[in-house]
N, C-alpha and C. Protein backbone atom coordinates (compact mmCIF):
# COMPACT_ATOMS: atom_id res chain seq x y z
N MET A 1 88.20 96.75 140.21
CA MET A 1 89.25 96.78 141.22
C MET A 1 89.36 98.22 141.71
N VAL A 2 89.36 98.38 142.99
CA VAL A 2 89.45 99.71 143.59
C VAL A 2 90.59 99.70 144.59
N GLY A 3 91.39 100.74 144.62
CA GLY A 3 92.44 100.87 145.62
C GLY A 3 93.54 99.84 145.51
N ASN A 4 93.76 99.28 144.33
CA ASN A 4 94.81 98.32 144.05
C ASN A 4 94.68 97.00 144.78
N ASN A 5 93.73 96.89 145.74
CA ASN A 5 93.67 95.61 146.45
C ASN A 5 92.26 95.25 146.91
N TYR A 6 91.24 95.89 146.42
CA TYR A 6 89.88 95.58 146.84
C TYR A 6 88.99 95.52 145.60
N MET A 7 88.29 94.40 145.42
CA MET A 7 87.45 94.23 144.25
C MET A 7 85.99 94.38 144.65
N LEU A 8 85.26 95.19 143.89
CA LEU A 8 83.83 95.34 144.11
C LEU A 8 83.12 94.24 143.33
N GLU A 9 82.19 93.56 143.98
CA GLU A 9 81.44 92.48 143.34
C GLU A 9 79.96 92.83 143.31
N ASP A 10 79.22 92.13 142.46
CA ASP A 10 77.77 92.31 142.34
C ASP A 10 77.44 93.77 142.04
N VAL A 11 78.04 94.29 140.96
CA VAL A 11 77.84 95.69 140.59
C VAL A 11 76.84 95.79 139.45
N LEU A 12 76.25 96.96 139.27
CA LEU A 12 75.30 97.22 138.20
C LEU A 12 75.99 98.05 137.13
N PHE A 13 75.62 97.81 135.87
CA PHE A 13 76.21 98.53 134.75
C PHE A 13 75.13 99.38 134.09
N ILE A 14 75.41 100.68 133.96
CA ILE A 14 74.50 101.60 133.28
C ILE A 14 75.26 102.14 132.07
N PRO A 15 74.88 101.71 130.85
CA PRO A 15 75.69 102.02 129.65
C PRO A 15 75.97 103.49 129.40
N ASN A 16 75.02 104.38 129.57
CA ASN A 16 75.23 105.79 129.23
C ASN A 16 75.55 106.66 130.43
N PHE A 17 75.95 106.06 131.52
CA PHE A 17 76.28 106.82 132.72
C PHE A 17 77.73 107.26 132.62
N SER A 18 78.03 108.51 132.93
CA SER A 18 79.39 109.02 132.73
C SER A 18 80.29 108.85 133.95
N VAL A 19 79.75 108.45 135.10
CA VAL A 19 80.56 108.26 136.31
C VAL A 19 80.21 106.92 136.95
N ASN A 20 81.07 106.46 137.83
CA ASN A 20 80.81 105.24 138.59
C ASN A 20 80.36 105.63 139.99
N LEU A 21 79.37 104.94 140.50
CA LEU A 21 78.88 105.18 141.85
C LEU A 21 79.20 103.96 142.71
N VAL A 22 79.51 104.20 143.97
CA VAL A 22 79.78 103.12 144.91
C VAL A 22 78.75 103.22 146.03
N SER A 23 78.12 102.11 146.36
CA SER A 23 77.10 102.08 147.40
C SER A 23 77.76 101.89 148.77
N ALA A 24 77.58 102.87 149.64
CA ALA A 24 78.12 102.78 151.00
C ALA A 24 77.48 101.61 151.74
N ARG A 25 76.20 101.36 151.52
CA ARG A 25 75.50 100.27 152.19
C ARG A 25 76.08 98.91 151.79
N LYS A 26 76.39 98.74 150.49
CA LYS A 26 76.97 97.46 150.05
C LYS A 26 78.35 97.25 150.66
N LEU A 27 79.11 98.34 150.79
CA LEU A 27 80.44 98.22 151.38
C LEU A 27 80.35 97.82 152.85
N THR A 28 79.44 98.44 153.60
CA THR A 28 79.32 98.11 155.02
C THR A 28 78.77 96.70 155.22
N LYS A 29 77.92 96.23 154.30
CA LYS A 29 77.42 94.85 154.40
C LYS A 29 78.54 93.83 154.19
N ARG A 30 79.58 94.25 153.48
CA ARG A 30 80.71 93.35 153.22
C ARG A 30 81.84 93.54 154.24
N GLY A 31 81.56 94.21 155.33
CA GLY A 31 82.54 94.31 156.41
C GLY A 31 83.46 95.52 156.36
N CYS A 32 83.16 96.48 155.52
CA CYS A 32 83.99 97.68 155.42
C CYS A 32 83.50 98.73 156.41
N LYS A 33 84.42 99.57 156.84
CA LYS A 33 84.10 100.69 157.73
C LYS A 33 84.36 101.97 156.96
N ILE A 34 83.37 102.86 156.92
CA ILE A 34 83.48 104.11 156.18
C ILE A 34 83.65 105.26 157.16
N THR A 35 84.68 106.08 156.93
CA THR A 35 84.96 107.24 157.78
C THR A 35 84.92 108.50 156.92
N LEU A 36 84.17 109.50 157.39
CA LEU A 36 84.10 110.79 156.70
C LEU A 36 84.73 111.85 157.59
N ASP A 37 85.82 112.46 157.14
CA ASP A 37 86.49 113.53 157.87
C ASP A 37 86.68 114.71 156.93
N ASP A 38 86.08 115.85 157.27
CA ASP A 38 86.14 117.06 156.45
C ASP A 38 85.76 116.72 155.00
N ASP A 39 86.74 116.79 154.09
CA ASP A 39 86.42 116.49 152.70
C ASP A 39 87.06 115.18 152.22
N ILE A 40 87.43 114.31 153.15
CA ILE A 40 88.04 113.02 152.82
C ILE A 40 87.13 111.88 153.26
N CYS A 41 86.93 110.91 152.38
CA CYS A 41 86.18 109.70 152.69
C CYS A 41 87.17 108.54 152.63
N SER A 42 87.18 107.72 153.67
CA SER A 42 88.09 106.59 153.74
C SER A 42 87.29 105.32 153.99
N VAL A 43 87.59 104.28 153.24
CA VAL A 43 86.95 102.98 153.41
C VAL A 43 88.02 101.99 153.85
N ASN A 44 87.79 101.37 155.01
CA ASN A 44 88.76 100.42 155.58
C ASN A 44 88.15 99.04 155.65
N LYS A 45 88.96 98.03 155.37
CA LYS A 45 88.54 96.64 155.52
C LYS A 45 89.64 95.93 156.28
N GLU A 46 89.27 95.30 157.38
CA GLU A 46 90.22 94.58 158.25
C GLU A 46 91.39 95.46 158.65
N GLY A 47 91.11 96.72 158.96
CA GLY A 47 92.13 97.64 159.45
C GLY A 47 93.01 98.26 158.37
N GLN A 48 92.77 97.94 157.11
CA GLN A 48 93.59 98.49 156.04
C GLN A 48 92.72 99.34 155.11
N GLU A 49 93.24 100.52 154.76
CA GLU A 49 92.50 101.42 153.88
C GLU A 49 92.51 100.85 152.46
N VAL A 50 91.30 100.65 151.90
CA VAL A 50 91.20 100.10 150.55
C VAL A 50 90.70 101.13 149.54
N ILE A 51 89.95 102.13 150.00
CA ILE A 51 89.46 103.19 149.12
C ILE A 51 89.61 104.52 149.83
N ARG A 52 90.06 105.53 149.08
CA ARG A 52 90.18 106.88 149.62
C ARG A 52 89.63 107.83 148.57
N ALA A 53 88.79 108.76 149.01
CA ALA A 53 88.18 109.71 148.08
C ALA A 53 88.21 111.11 148.69
N LYS A 54 88.22 112.12 147.82
CA LYS A 54 88.24 113.52 148.25
C LYS A 54 87.06 114.22 147.59
N ALA A 55 86.38 115.06 148.37
CA ALA A 55 85.23 115.79 147.84
C ALA A 55 85.71 116.88 146.89
N ASP A 56 85.04 116.98 145.72
CA ASP A 56 85.39 118.04 144.77
C ASP A 56 84.52 119.27 145.03
N SER A 57 84.55 120.24 144.15
CA SER A 57 83.82 121.50 144.35
C SER A 57 82.30 121.33 144.36
N SER A 58 81.81 120.24 143.78
CA SER A 58 80.36 120.00 143.77
C SER A 58 79.96 118.99 144.85
N ASP A 59 80.82 118.79 145.85
CA ASP A 59 80.58 117.90 146.98
C ASP A 59 80.33 116.45 146.57
N ILE A 60 81.00 116.00 145.54
CA ILE A 60 80.97 114.60 145.12
C ILE A 60 82.35 114.02 145.40
N TYR A 61 82.37 112.86 146.06
CA TYR A 61 83.64 112.23 146.38
C TYR A 61 84.24 111.58 145.14
N VAL A 62 85.48 111.92 144.85
CA VAL A 62 86.22 111.38 143.70
C VAL A 62 87.35 110.51 144.25
N LEU A 63 87.47 109.29 143.70
CA LEU A 63 88.50 108.37 144.18
C LEU A 63 89.89 108.93 143.97
N LEU A 64 90.72 108.74 144.96
CA LEU A 64 92.13 109.14 144.88
C LEU A 64 92.96 107.91 144.58
N PRO A 65 94.05 108.07 143.84
CA PRO A 65 94.91 106.91 143.59
C PRO A 65 95.56 106.46 144.90
N MET A 66 95.58 105.15 145.09
CA MET A 66 96.20 104.59 146.29
C MET A 66 97.66 104.31 146.00
N PRO A 67 98.55 104.52 146.98
CA PRO A 67 99.96 104.19 146.75
C PRO A 67 100.11 102.68 146.61
N LYS A 68 100.96 102.30 145.68
CA LYS A 68 101.19 100.88 145.46
C LYS A 68 102.28 100.39 146.41
N ALA A 69 102.11 99.18 146.87
CA ALA A 69 103.14 98.58 147.72
C ALA A 69 104.32 98.16 146.85
N LEU A 70 105.50 98.43 147.29
CA LEU A 70 106.69 98.04 146.56
C LEU A 70 107.21 96.73 147.12
N ILE A 71 107.36 95.78 146.26
CA ILE A 71 107.86 94.47 146.67
C ILE A 71 109.15 94.21 145.92
N THR A 72 110.17 93.87 146.65
CA THR A 72 111.43 93.55 146.00
C THR A 72 111.73 92.08 146.19
N THR A 73 112.28 91.50 145.18
CA THR A 73 112.67 90.10 145.26
C THR A 73 114.07 89.96 144.71
N VAL A 74 114.75 88.97 145.17
CA VAL A 74 116.07 88.64 144.67
C VAL A 74 115.90 87.39 143.82
N PRO A 75 116.30 87.45 142.56
CA PRO A 75 116.12 86.27 141.72
C PRO A 75 116.95 85.10 142.21
N LYS A 76 116.38 83.93 142.12
CA LYS A 76 117.08 82.70 142.50
C LYS A 76 118.04 82.34 141.38
N GLU A 77 119.27 82.09 141.73
CA GLU A 77 120.25 81.71 140.71
C GLU A 77 119.98 80.28 140.28
N GLU A 78 119.81 80.10 138.98
CA GLU A 78 119.45 78.80 138.46
C GLU A 78 120.43 78.35 137.39
N ASP A 79 120.35 77.08 137.07
CA ASP A 79 121.19 76.47 136.05
C ASP A 79 120.76 76.97 134.67
N PRO A 80 121.68 77.40 133.82
CA PRO A 80 121.30 77.86 132.48
C PRO A 80 120.59 76.77 131.67
N GLY A 81 120.91 75.51 131.96
CA GLY A 81 120.26 74.40 131.26
C GLY A 81 118.76 74.36 131.51
N LEU A 82 118.36 74.79 132.71
CA LEU A 82 116.93 74.83 133.03
C LEU A 82 116.22 75.85 132.14
N TRP A 83 116.84 77.03 131.98
CA TRP A 83 116.26 78.05 131.11
C TRP A 83 116.32 77.62 129.65
N HIS A 84 117.34 76.89 129.27
CA HIS A 84 117.44 76.35 127.91
C HIS A 84 116.22 75.48 127.61
N ARG A 85 115.82 74.66 128.56
CA ARG A 85 114.64 73.80 128.38
C ARG A 85 113.35 74.61 128.46
N ARG A 86 113.27 75.58 129.38
CA ARG A 86 112.07 76.42 129.52
C ARG A 86 111.78 77.21 128.25
N LEU A 87 112.82 77.63 127.57
CA LEU A 87 112.66 78.48 126.38
C LEU A 87 112.62 77.66 125.10
N GLY A 88 112.23 76.40 125.19
CA GLY A 88 112.07 75.58 123.99
C GLY A 88 113.38 75.21 123.35
N HIS A 89 114.42 74.98 124.16
CA HIS A 89 115.75 74.55 123.70
C HIS A 89 116.43 75.62 122.86
N LEU A 90 116.34 76.85 123.34
CA LEU A 90 117.02 77.98 122.71
C LEU A 90 118.53 77.78 122.86
N HIS A 91 119.30 78.24 121.87
CA HIS A 91 120.76 78.09 121.93
C HIS A 91 121.31 78.81 123.17
N MET A 92 122.45 78.33 123.68
CA MET A 92 122.96 78.81 124.96
C MET A 92 123.37 80.29 124.93
N ALA A 93 123.82 80.79 123.79
CA ALA A 93 124.16 82.22 123.72
C ALA A 93 122.90 83.06 123.93
N GLY A 94 121.77 82.62 123.40
CA GLY A 94 120.51 83.32 123.59
C GLY A 94 120.03 83.24 125.03
N VAL A 95 120.25 82.09 125.66
CA VAL A 95 119.86 81.92 127.06
C VAL A 95 120.69 82.84 127.95
N LYS A 96 121.98 82.91 127.70
CA LYS A 96 122.85 83.77 128.51
C LYS A 96 122.53 85.25 128.29
N ALA A 97 122.10 85.62 127.08
CA ALA A 97 121.72 87.01 126.81
C ALA A 97 120.47 87.39 127.58
N LEU A 98 119.63 86.41 127.90
CA LEU A 98 118.40 86.67 128.63
C LEU A 98 118.67 87.27 130.01
N GLU A 99 119.76 86.87 130.63
CA GLU A 99 120.08 87.35 131.98
C GLU A 99 120.20 88.88 132.03
N SER A 100 120.76 89.47 130.98
CA SER A 100 120.90 90.93 130.97
C SER A 100 119.65 91.64 130.44
N MET A 101 118.74 90.89 129.81
CA MET A 101 117.54 91.50 129.22
C MET A 101 116.33 91.45 130.13
N ALA A 102 116.25 90.50 131.05
CA ALA A 102 115.03 90.30 131.84
C ALA A 102 115.34 90.37 133.32
N HIS A 103 114.41 90.93 134.08
CA HIS A 103 114.54 90.96 135.53
C HIS A 103 114.06 89.63 136.08
N GLY A 104 114.72 89.13 137.09
CA GLY A 104 114.30 87.89 137.72
C GLY A 104 114.98 86.66 137.16
N VAL A 105 115.89 86.84 136.23
CA VAL A 105 116.63 85.70 135.66
C VAL A 105 118.08 85.86 136.08
N ALA A 106 118.58 84.89 136.82
CA ALA A 106 119.98 84.92 137.25
C ALA A 106 120.55 83.52 137.13
N PHE A 107 121.77 83.45 136.63
CA PHE A 107 122.43 82.16 136.47
C PHE A 107 123.49 81.99 137.54
N GLN A 108 123.77 80.74 137.87
CA GLN A 108 124.75 80.43 138.89
C GLN A 108 126.12 80.88 138.41
N LYS A 109 126.81 81.62 139.27
CA LYS A 109 128.13 82.14 138.93
C LYS A 109 129.19 81.10 139.31
N GLY A 110 130.31 81.13 138.59
CA GLY A 110 131.42 80.26 138.92
C GLY A 110 131.20 78.82 138.51
N GLN A 111 130.14 78.53 137.81
CA GLN A 111 129.87 77.17 137.37
C GLN A 111 130.44 77.00 135.98
N LYS A 112 131.01 75.83 135.70
CA LYS A 112 131.56 75.58 134.38
C LYS A 112 130.45 75.57 133.34
N GLU A 113 130.84 75.83 132.11
CA GLU A 113 129.89 75.82 131.00
C GLU A 113 129.20 74.46 130.94
N ASP A 114 127.90 74.50 130.73
CA ASP A 114 127.12 73.28 130.65
C ASP A 114 127.49 72.54 129.37
N THR A 115 128.28 71.47 129.49
CA THR A 115 128.75 70.74 128.33
C THR A 115 127.94 69.47 128.08
N ALA A 116 126.94 69.22 128.91
CA ALA A 116 126.12 68.03 128.71
C ALA A 116 125.35 68.15 127.40
N VAL A 117 125.22 67.03 126.74
CA VAL A 117 124.50 67.00 125.48
C VAL A 117 123.00 66.99 125.76
N CYS A 118 122.29 67.88 125.13
CA CYS A 118 120.84 67.95 125.28
C CYS A 118 120.23 67.00 124.25
N VAL A 119 119.71 65.89 124.72
CA VAL A 119 119.19 64.85 123.83
C VAL A 119 118.08 65.37 122.91
N PRO A 120 117.06 66.13 123.41
CA PRO A 120 116.04 66.63 122.47
C PRO A 120 116.62 67.54 121.39
N CYS A 121 117.66 68.32 121.71
CA CYS A 121 118.27 69.18 120.70
C CYS A 121 118.95 68.34 119.61
N VAL A 122 119.66 67.30 120.04
CA VAL A 122 120.34 66.43 119.07
C VAL A 122 119.31 65.72 118.19
N GLU A 123 118.24 65.21 118.82
CA GLU A 123 117.19 64.52 118.05
C GLU A 123 116.50 65.47 117.09
N GLY A 124 116.32 66.72 117.48
CA GLY A 124 115.67 67.69 116.62
C GLY A 124 116.51 68.07 115.42
N LYS A 125 117.82 67.92 115.52
CA LYS A 125 118.70 68.27 114.41
C LYS A 125 118.91 67.12 113.44
N GLN A 126 118.48 65.92 113.82
CA GLN A 126 118.64 64.77 112.93
C GLN A 126 117.51 64.76 111.92
N HIS A 127 117.84 64.46 110.70
CA HIS A 127 116.86 64.39 109.64
C HIS A 127 117.01 63.06 108.92
N LYS A 128 115.91 62.49 108.52
CA LYS A 128 115.96 61.26 107.76
C LYS A 128 116.44 61.60 106.36
N HIS A 129 117.35 60.79 105.83
CA HIS A 129 117.92 61.06 104.52
C HIS A 129 117.22 60.16 103.51
N TYR A 130 116.57 60.76 102.54
CA TYR A 130 115.87 60.00 101.51
C TYR A 130 116.77 59.89 100.28
N ARG A 131 116.88 58.69 99.76
CA ARG A 131 117.74 58.45 98.59
C ARG A 131 117.15 59.07 97.32
N ARG A 132 115.86 59.30 97.28
CA ARG A 132 115.26 59.80 96.05
C ARG A 132 115.73 61.21 95.71
N HIS A 133 116.29 61.91 96.68
CA HIS A 133 116.76 63.27 96.44
C HIS A 133 118.21 63.30 95.97
N ASP A 134 118.88 62.14 96.04
CA ASP A 134 120.26 62.10 95.57
C ASP A 134 120.27 62.17 94.04
N PRO A 135 121.26 62.82 93.48
CA PRO A 135 121.32 62.85 92.02
C PRO A 135 121.58 61.45 91.47
N VAL A 136 120.87 61.09 90.44
CA VAL A 136 121.07 59.77 89.82
C VAL A 136 122.22 59.83 88.83
N ALA A 137 122.76 58.66 88.54
CA ALA A 137 123.86 58.61 87.56
C ALA A 137 123.34 59.07 86.22
N ARG A 138 124.05 59.92 85.56
CA ARG A 138 123.63 60.47 84.28
C ARG A 138 124.14 59.59 83.14
N MET A 139 123.46 59.69 82.01
CA MET A 139 123.91 58.95 80.82
C MET A 139 125.22 59.55 80.31
N THR A 140 125.98 58.69 79.76
CA THR A 140 127.20 59.17 79.10
C THR A 140 127.09 59.04 77.60
N ARG A 141 126.21 58.10 77.11
CA ARG A 141 125.97 57.90 75.68
C ARG A 141 124.48 57.91 75.40
N ARG A 142 124.12 58.04 74.12
CA ARG A 142 122.73 58.01 73.72
C ARG A 142 122.14 56.63 73.97
N LEU A 143 120.86 56.64 74.36
CA LEU A 143 120.08 55.44 74.59
C LEU A 143 120.73 54.50 75.61
N GLU A 144 121.41 55.01 76.51
CA GLU A 144 122.07 54.21 77.55
C GLU A 144 121.11 53.88 78.63
């Protein structure tokens, strides 16, 4: 991956090589336009700069870090019961704590506490009772 948004394909690997080389011919065959200005090399694809490099003291172009695009989103307010099911039927106090711990999780405000019974939670808490584990009546006299 180069420039945060352009992937180089069909590359060769040289195990003991200490630097990576990029073929200008391969880039132009894939529709990229290469511009050389003074000591800056710029590679554009579909009008957007995907690779930028600066010549160092030995006249070799070294890739420059590309600025990352900042994307902001507003989390969709959802029912806490949905997150209860998503998180494997986690208890509601744990689900509500998630809102302050994770970005992108928001619960609907002003909604009453979810009092509906979660059937899988109830079924998971039920256990079959085996009589063999009950204490048996003890003897009160010898040989009884």
